[in-house]
Protein backbone atom coordinates (compact mmCIF):
# COMPACT_ATOMS: atom_id res chain seq x y z
CA UNK A 1 0.00 0.00 0.00
CA UNK A 2 1.28 3.44 -0.91
CA UNK A 3 1.39 5.65 2.19
CA UNK A 4 3.14 9.01 2.19
CA UNK A 5 4.07 10.72 5.42
CA UNK A 6 3.93 14.49 5.08
CA UNK A 7 4.41 17.18 7.76
CA UNK A 8 0.64 17.38 8.42
CA UNK A 9 0.00 13.63 8.64
CA UNK A 10 -0.30 10.85 6.07
CA UNK A 11 -1.74 10.47 2.58
CA UNK A 12 -2.98 7.32 0.91
CA UNK A 13 -5.36 6.25 -1.85
CA UNK A 14 -8.63 4.37 -1.71
CA UNK A 15 -10.94 3.03 -4.41
CA UNK A 16 -14.56 3.66 -3.46
CA UNK A 17 -17.27 1.18 -4.42
CA UNK A 18 -20.64 2.90 -3.79
CA UNK A 19 -24.07 1.36 -3.21
CA UNK A 20 -22.74 -1.64 -1.29
CA UNK A 21 -24.77 -3.57 1.25
CA UNK A 22 -22.49 -2.35 4.07
CA UNK A 23 -19.62 0.08 4.61
CA UNK A 24 -16.28 -1.67 5.03
CA UNK A 25 -12.74 -1.99 3.78
CA UNK A 26 -12.50 -4.76 1.23
CA UNK A 27 -8.79 -5.47 0.91
CA UNK A 28 -5.98 -4.04 -1.19
CA UNK A 29 -5.78 -4.17 -4.97
CA UNK A 30 -2.75 -2.78 -6.84
CA UNK A 31 -1.57 -0.91 -3.74
CA UNK A 32 -4.92 0.80 -3.16
CA UNK A 33 -7.43 -0.05 -0.40
CA UNK A 34 -10.91 -0.84 -1.71
CA UNK A 35 -13.71 0.63 0.37
CA UNK A 36 -17.33 -0.39 0.00
CA UNK A 37 -19.88 2.23 1.07
CA UNK A 38 -23.66 2.16 1.21
CA UNK A 39 -24.21 5.71 -0.08
CA UNK A 40 -24.69 6.51 -3.75
CA UNK A 41 -22.27 8.93 -5.42
CA UNK A 42 -24.84 11.75 -5.40
CA UNK A 43 -24.52 15.25 -3.92
CA UNK A 44 -21.39 14.43 -1.90
CA UNK A 45 -23.07 11.70 0.17
CA UNK A 46 -20.44 9.12 -0.76
CA UNK A 47 -17.58 11.46 0.18
CA UNK A 48 -19.27 12.25 3.48
CA UNK A 49 -19.60 8.56 4.27
CA UNK A 50 -15.95 7.95 3.36
CA UNK A 51 -14.83 10.71 5.75
CA UNK A 52 -17.13 9.53 8.57
CA UNK A 53 -16.00 5.92 8.23
CA UNK A 54 -12.31 6.82 8.17
CA UNK A 55 -12.74 9.12 11.19
CA UNK A 56 -14.16 6.18 13.18
CA UNK A 57 -11.48 3.84 11.86
CA UNK A 58 -8.59 6.11 12.91
CA UNK A 59 -10.39 7.48 15.99
CA UNK A 60 -9.97 11.11 14.87
CA UNK A 61 -12.36 14.01 14.28
CA UNK A 62 -13.84 14.12 10.76
CA UNK A 63 -12.32 17.59 10.36
CA UNK A 64 -8.86 15.94 10.37
CA UNK A 65 -9.66 13.95 7.22
CA UNK A 66 -9.66 15.53 3.79
CA UNK A 67 -10.10 14.26 0.26
CA UNK A 68 -7.20 16.03 -1.45
CA UNK A 69 -7.73 14.53 -4.89
CA UNK A 70 -10.55 12.65 -6.61
CA UNK A 71 -13.69 14.16 -5.04
CA UNK A 72 -15.67 13.12 -8.12
CA UNK A 73 -13.69 9.97 -8.85
CA UNK A 74 -13.77 6.45 -7.45
CA UNK A 75 -10.06 6.66 -6.68
CA UNK A 76 -9.42 9.24 -3.98
CA UNK A 77 -6.31 10.54 -2.27
CA UNK A 78 -6.99 10.96 1.44
CA UNK A 79 -5.10 13.10 3.95
CA UNK A 80 -5.40 12.21 7.63
CA UNK A 81 -3.90 14.98 9.74
CA UNK A 82 -2.02 14.29 12.95
CA UNK A 83 -1.31 10.57 12.62
CA UNK A 84 1.73 8.55 11.58
CA UNK A 85 1.97 5.88 8.93
CA UNK A 86 2.09 3.26 11.70
CA UNK A 87 -1.19 4.54 13.18
CA UNK A 88 -2.69 4.51 9.69
CA UNK A 89 -1.70 0.88 9.15
CA UNK A 90 -3.07 -0.09 12.59
CA UNK A 91 -6.37 1.66 11.82
CA UNK A 92 -6.67 -0.01 8.44
CA UNK A 93 -6.13 -3.35 10.18
CA UNK A 94 -9.47 -2.85 12.00
CA UNK A 95 -11.25 -2.86 8.63
CA UNK A 96 -14.79 -2.21 9.87
CA UNK A 97 -14.43 1.02 11.84
CA UNK A 98 -16.17 -0.37 14.93
CA UNK A 99 -13.21 -1.13 17.19
CA UNK A 100 -12.45 1.56 19.72
CA UNK A 101 -15.97 3.03 19.56
CA UNK A 102 -17.92 1.54 22.43
C-alpha atoms as a PDB file:
ATOM      1  CA  UNK A   1       0.000   0.000   0.000  1.00  0.00           C
ATOM      2  CA  UNK A   2       1.276   3.438  -0.908  1.00  0.00           C
ATOM      3  CA  UNK A   3       1.388   5.647   2.193  1.00  0.00           C
ATOM      4  CA  UNK A   4       3.136   9.012   2.187  1.00  0.00           C
ATOM      5  CA  UNK A   5       4.071  10.718   5.419  1.00  0.00           C
ATOM      6  CA  UNK A   6       3.928  14.493   5.083  1.00  0.00           C
ATOM      7  CA  UNK A   7       4.412  17.183   7.757  1.00  0.00           C
ATOM      8  CA  UNK A   8       0.635  17.384   8.420  1.00  0.00           C
ATOM      9  CA  UNK A   9      -0.002  13.629   8.642  1.00  0.00           C
ATOM     10  CA  UNK A  10      -0.303  10.851   6.073  1.00  0.00           C
ATOM     11  CA  UNK A  11      -1.741  10.473   2.576  1.00  0.00           C
ATOM     12  CA  UNK A  12      -2.984   7.317   0.911  1.00  0.00           C
ATOM     13  CA  UNK A  13      -5.365   6.254  -1.845  1.00  0.00           C
ATOM     14  CA  UNK A  14      -8.635   4.375  -1.712  1.00  0.00           C
ATOM     15  CA  UNK A  15     -10.939   3.033  -4.411  1.00  0.00           C
ATOM     16  CA  UNK A  16     -14.565   3.664  -3.462  1.00  0.00           C
ATOM     17  CA  UNK A  17     -17.270   1.175  -4.421  1.00  0.00           C
ATOM     18  CA  UNK A  18     -20.637   2.904  -3.793  1.00  0.00           C
ATOM     19  CA  UNK A  19     -24.074   1.358  -3.205  1.00  0.00           C
ATOM     20  CA  UNK A  20     -22.736  -1.635  -1.289  1.00  0.00           C
ATOM     21  CA  UNK A  21     -24.774  -3.573   1.255  1.00  0.00           C
ATOM     22  CA  UNK A  22     -22.490  -2.347   4.073  1.00  0.00           C
ATOM     23  CA  UNK A  23     -19.621   0.078   4.613  1.00  0.00           C
ATOM     24  CA  UNK A  24     -16.285  -1.673   5.032  1.00  0.00           C
ATOM     25  CA  UNK A  25     -12.741  -1.991   3.782  1.00  0.00           C
ATOM     26  CA  UNK A  26     -12.496  -4.761   1.231  1.00  0.00           C
ATOM     27  CA  UNK A  27      -8.793  -5.466   0.913  1.00  0.00           C
ATOM     28  CA  UNK A  28      -5.981  -4.044  -1.194  1.00  0.00           C
ATOM     29  CA  UNK A  29      -5.779  -4.168  -4.967  1.00  0.00           C
ATOM     30  CA  UNK A  30      -2.751  -2.785  -6.837  1.00  0.00           C
ATOM     31  CA  UNK A  31      -1.569  -0.912  -3.736  1.00  0.00           C
ATOM     32  CA  UNK A  32      -4.925   0.804  -3.159  1.00  0.00           C
ATOM     33  CA  UNK A  33      -7.431  -0.046  -0.396  1.00  0.00           C
ATOM     34  CA  UNK A  34     -10.912  -0.845  -1.705  1.00  0.00           C
ATOM     35  CA  UNK A  35     -13.707   0.634   0.372  1.00  0.00           C
ATOM     36  CA  UNK A  36     -17.331  -0.385   0.005  1.00  0.00           C
ATOM     37  CA  UNK A  37     -19.877   2.231   1.073  1.00  0.00           C
ATOM     38  CA  UNK A  38     -23.656   2.162   1.206  1.00  0.00           C
ATOM     39  CA  UNK A  39     -24.208   5.705  -0.076  1.00  0.00           C
ATOM     40  CA  UNK A  40     -24.694   6.506  -3.755  1.00  0.00           C
ATOM     41  CA  UNK A  41     -22.270   8.932  -5.418  1.00  0.00           C
ATOM     42  CA  UNK A  42     -24.840  11.745  -5.399  1.00  0.00           C
ATOM     43  CA  UNK A  43     -24.520  15.252  -3.921  1.00  0.00           C
ATOM     44  CA  UNK A  44     -21.389  14.430  -1.900  1.00  0.00           C
ATOM     45  CA  UNK A  45     -23.067  11.702   0.166  1.00  0.00           C
ATOM     46  CA  UNK A  46     -20.436   9.125  -0.759  1.00  0.00           C
ATOM     47  CA  UNK A  47     -17.579  11.463   0.175  1.00  0.00           C
ATOM     48  CA  UNK A  48     -19.274  12.249   3.481  1.00  0.00           C
ATOM     49  CA  UNK A  49     -19.602   8.562   4.266  1.00  0.00           C
ATOM     50  CA  UNK A  50     -15.951   7.954   3.362  1.00  0.00           C
ATOM     51  CA  UNK A  51     -14.832  10.711   5.746  1.00  0.00           C
ATOM     52  CA  UNK A  52     -17.126   9.530   8.573  1.00  0.00           C
ATOM     53  CA  UNK A  53     -16.002   5.919   8.233  1.00  0.00           C
ATOM     54  CA  UNK A  54     -12.306   6.820   8.170  1.00  0.00           C
ATOM     55  CA  UNK A  55     -12.744   9.118  11.191  1.00  0.00           C
ATOM     56  CA  UNK A  56     -14.158   6.179  13.180  1.00  0.00           C
ATOM     57  CA  UNK A  57     -11.476   3.839  11.863  1.00  0.00           C
ATOM     58  CA  UNK A  58      -8.586   6.107  12.911  1.00  0.00           C
ATOM     59  CA  UNK A  59     -10.387   7.481  15.990  1.00  0.00           C
ATOM     60  CA  UNK A  60      -9.974  11.108  14.866  1.00  0.00           C
ATOM     61  CA  UNK A  61     -12.360  14.009  14.277  1.00  0.00           C
ATOM     62  CA  UNK A  62     -13.843  14.119  10.755  1.00  0.00           C
ATOM     63  CA  UNK A  63     -12.318  17.592  10.360  1.00  0.00           C
ATOM     64  CA  UNK A  64      -8.855  15.944  10.366  1.00  0.00           C
ATOM     65  CA  UNK A  65      -9.665  13.947   7.217  1.00  0.00           C
ATOM     66  CA  UNK A  66      -9.661  15.534   3.792  1.00  0.00           C
ATOM     67  CA  UNK A  67     -10.098  14.261   0.262  1.00  0.00           C
ATOM     68  CA  UNK A  68      -7.202  16.035  -1.450  1.00  0.00           C
ATOM     69  CA  UNK A  69      -7.731  14.528  -4.886  1.00  0.00           C
ATOM     70  CA  UNK A  70     -10.547  12.655  -6.606  1.00  0.00           C
ATOM     71  CA  UNK A  71     -13.686  14.158  -5.035  1.00  0.00           C
ATOM     72  CA  UNK A  72     -15.665  13.116  -8.123  1.00  0.00           C
ATOM     73  CA  UNK A  73     -13.687   9.970  -8.846  1.00  0.00           C
ATOM     74  CA  UNK A  74     -13.771   6.454  -7.449  1.00  0.00           C
ATOM     75  CA  UNK A  75     -10.056   6.664  -6.677  1.00  0.00           C
ATOM     76  CA  UNK A  76      -9.421   9.242  -3.977  1.00  0.00           C
ATOM     77  CA  UNK A  77      -6.308  10.540  -2.268  1.00  0.00           C
ATOM     78  CA  UNK A  78      -6.990  10.959   1.436  1.00  0.00           C
ATOM     79  CA  UNK A  79      -5.103  13.100   3.949  1.00  0.00           C
ATOM     80  CA  UNK A  80      -5.400  12.212   7.631  1.00  0.00           C
ATOM     81  CA  UNK A  81      -3.895  14.977   9.740  1.00  0.00           C
ATOM     82  CA  UNK A  82      -2.023  14.289  12.950  1.00  0.00           C
ATOM     83  CA  UNK A  83      -1.311  10.566  12.620  1.00  0.00           C
ATOM     84  CA  UNK A  84       1.733   8.549  11.582  1.00  0.00           C
ATOM     85  CA  UNK A  85       1.968   5.875   8.925  1.00  0.00           C
ATOM     86  CA  UNK A  86       2.094   3.256  11.703  1.00  0.00           C
ATOM     87  CA  UNK A  87      -1.189   4.545  13.178  1.00  0.00           C
ATOM     88  CA  UNK A  88      -2.688   4.506   9.691  1.00  0.00           C
ATOM     89  CA  UNK A  89      -1.704   0.883   9.154  1.00  0.00           C
ATOM     90  CA  UNK A  90      -3.071  -0.092  12.592  1.00  0.00           C
ATOM     91  CA  UNK A  91      -6.366   1.659  11.819  1.00  0.00           C
ATOM     92  CA  UNK A  92      -6.669  -0.013   8.435  1.00  0.00           C
ATOM     93  CA  UNK A  93      -6.130  -3.347  10.185  1.00  0.00           C
ATOM     94  CA  UNK A  94      -9.471  -2.846  12.000  1.00  0.00           C
ATOM     95  CA  UNK A  95     -11.251  -2.856   8.629  1.00  0.00           C
ATOM     96  CA  UNK A  96     -14.793  -2.213   9.866  1.00  0.00           C
ATOM     97  CA  UNK A  97     -14.430   1.025  11.838  1.00  0.00           C
ATOM     98  CA  UNK A  98     -16.170  -0.366  14.926  1.00  0.00           C
ATOM     99  CA  UNK A  99     -13.207  -1.133  17.188  1.00  0.00           C
ATOM    100  CA  UNK A 100     -12.448   1.556  19.718  1.00  0.00           C
ATOM    101  CA  UNK A 101     -15.968   3.029  19.558  1.00  0.00           C
ATOM    102  CA  UNK A 102     -17.923   1.542  22.427  1.00  0.00           C
END
